[in-house]
Amino acid sequence: MVLANIATLIRSKNAGPFILTLDILFADIASYQRVRDSGALNQAAFAALYRCPVEMVRFFECENALAFKFSIPRPLPQGDIGDGDMHGGQQFIPLMSLEIP
């Protein structure tokens, strides 16, 4: 099953002009735990998906909010020439099809 069919919300946004943050939220503890226990969401998988060095990925598990959060440097600063997503709001798309065993 893909992540988009388990998570309630998958979103991305800027965390300032140089950092992109992605949030994955769940409606219930069972869904959150299923994804957590699968091991599919981790720094290495995220780095591969977003083509960035693993050491640049910050990963947070927030069980009290039934959420996971990833933060990475933006490929280009917000608003720089060539920035195709000024607000970082379209960067969540690759996460949606992540396979969860």
Protein backbone atom coordinates (compact mmCIF):
# COMPACT_ATOMS: atom_id res chain seq x y z
CA MET A 1 0.00 0.00 0.00
CA VAL A 2 1.27 3.50 -0.76
CA LEU A 3 1.72 6.19 1.87
CA ALA A 4 -1.00 8.40 0.36
CA ASN A 5 -3.56 5.69 1.15
CA ILE A 6 -2.55 5.51 4.82
CA ALA A 7 -1.72 9.10 5.79
CA THR A 8 -4.38 11.72 6.38
CA LEU A 9 -2.16 14.56 5.20
CA ILE A 10 1.16 14.75 3.37
CA ARG A 11 2.40 18.30 2.87
CA SER A 12 5.50 20.32 2.17
CA LYS A 13 6.33 23.92 2.90
CA ASN A 14 9.20 26.29 3.40
CA ALA A 15 10.79 26.56 6.80
CA GLY A 16 12.48 29.81 5.90
CA PRO A 17 14.11 30.62 2.55
CA PHE A 18 16.72 27.85 2.75
CA ILE A 19 14.92 24.85 4.32
CA LEU A 20 12.10 22.67 3.05
CA THR A 21 10.03 20.67 5.54
CA LEU A 22 7.68 17.80 4.82
CA ASP A 23 4.99 16.57 7.22
CA ILE A 24 3.15 13.26 7.20
CA LEU A 25 0.13 13.08 9.53
CA PHE A 26 -2.17 10.21 10.46
CA ALA A 27 -5.72 9.99 11.77
CA ASP A 28 -5.07 7.17 14.23
CA ILE A 29 -2.30 5.52 16.21
CA ALA A 30 -2.61 2.23 14.29
CA SER A 31 -1.83 3.90 10.96
CA TYR A 32 1.05 5.87 12.46
CA GLN A 33 2.53 2.75 14.06
CA ARG A 34 2.12 0.71 10.88
CA VAL A 35 4.23 3.19 8.93
CA ARG A 36 6.73 3.66 11.76
CA ASP A 37 7.18 -0.08 12.24
CA SER A 38 7.57 -0.70 8.49
CA GLY A 39 10.88 1.19 8.49
CA ALA A 40 9.98 2.70 5.11
CA LEU A 41 10.32 6.24 6.43
CA ASN A 42 13.91 6.91 7.42
CA GLN A 43 16.70 9.31 6.57
CA ALA A 44 18.30 7.08 3.92
CA ALA A 45 15.02 6.42 2.07
CA PHE A 46 14.13 10.10 2.16
CA ALA A 47 17.59 11.12 0.92
CA ALA A 48 17.29 8.72 -2.01
CA LEU A 49 13.78 9.93 -2.84
CA TYR A 50 14.80 13.61 -2.77
CA ARG A 51 18.32 13.12 -4.15
CA CYS A 52 20.16 14.76 -1.31
CA PRO A 53 22.97 13.61 1.00
CA VAL A 54 21.65 11.53 3.90
CA GLU A 55 23.57 13.68 6.38
CA MET A 56 21.48 16.69 5.28
CA VAL A 57 18.17 15.03 6.20
CA ARG A 58 16.66 15.80 9.59
CA PHE A 59 13.99 13.31 10.61
CA PHE A 60 11.56 13.62 13.50
CA GLU A 61 9.03 11.12 14.81
CA CYS A 62 6.23 12.89 16.68
CA GLU A 63 4.04 10.17 18.14
CA ASN A 64 2.05 12.61 20.28
CA ALA A 65 0.98 14.34 17.04
CA LEU A 66 0.77 11.10 14.99
CA ALA A 67 3.24 12.66 12.57
CA PHE A 68 6.62 12.37 10.92
CA LYS A 69 8.62 15.38 9.80
CA PHE A 70 11.56 15.65 7.44
CA SER A 71 13.61 18.76 6.78
CA ILE A 72 16.19 19.26 4.05
CA PRO A 73 17.97 22.24 2.51
CA ARG A 74 16.10 23.68 -0.45
CA PRO A 75 17.90 22.96 -3.75
CA LEU A 76 17.71 26.69 -4.46
CA PRO A 77 16.95 29.51 -2.02
CA GLN A 78 13.33 30.62 -2.08
CA GLY A 79 12.71 32.98 -5.00
CA ASP A 80 16.10 32.41 -6.61
CA ILE A 81 16.27 32.25 -10.39
CA GLY A 82 15.11 28.76 -11.36
CA ASP A 83 13.03 28.20 -8.21
CA GLY A 84 9.94 26.48 -9.57
CA ASP A 85 8.09 26.27 -6.25
CA MET A 86 8.36 29.55 -4.34
CA HIS A 87 6.49 28.28 -1.28
CA GLY A 88 7.72 24.67 -1.32
CA GLY A 89 4.12 23.51 -1.44
CA GLN A 90 4.50 21.01 -4.30
CA GLN A 91 7.46 19.02 -2.99
CA PHE A 92 5.40 16.39 -1.17
CA ILE A 93 4.45 14.53 -4.38
CA PRO A 94 7.26 11.90 -4.33
CA LEU A 95 6.25 10.84 -0.81
CA MET A 96 2.72 10.00 -1.86
CA SER A 97 3.73 6.89 -3.82
CA LEU A 98 6.20 5.57 -1.25
CA GLU A 99 5.42 1.89 -0.79
CA ILE A 100 4.63 0.85 2.80
CA PRO A 101 4.96 -2.92 3.34
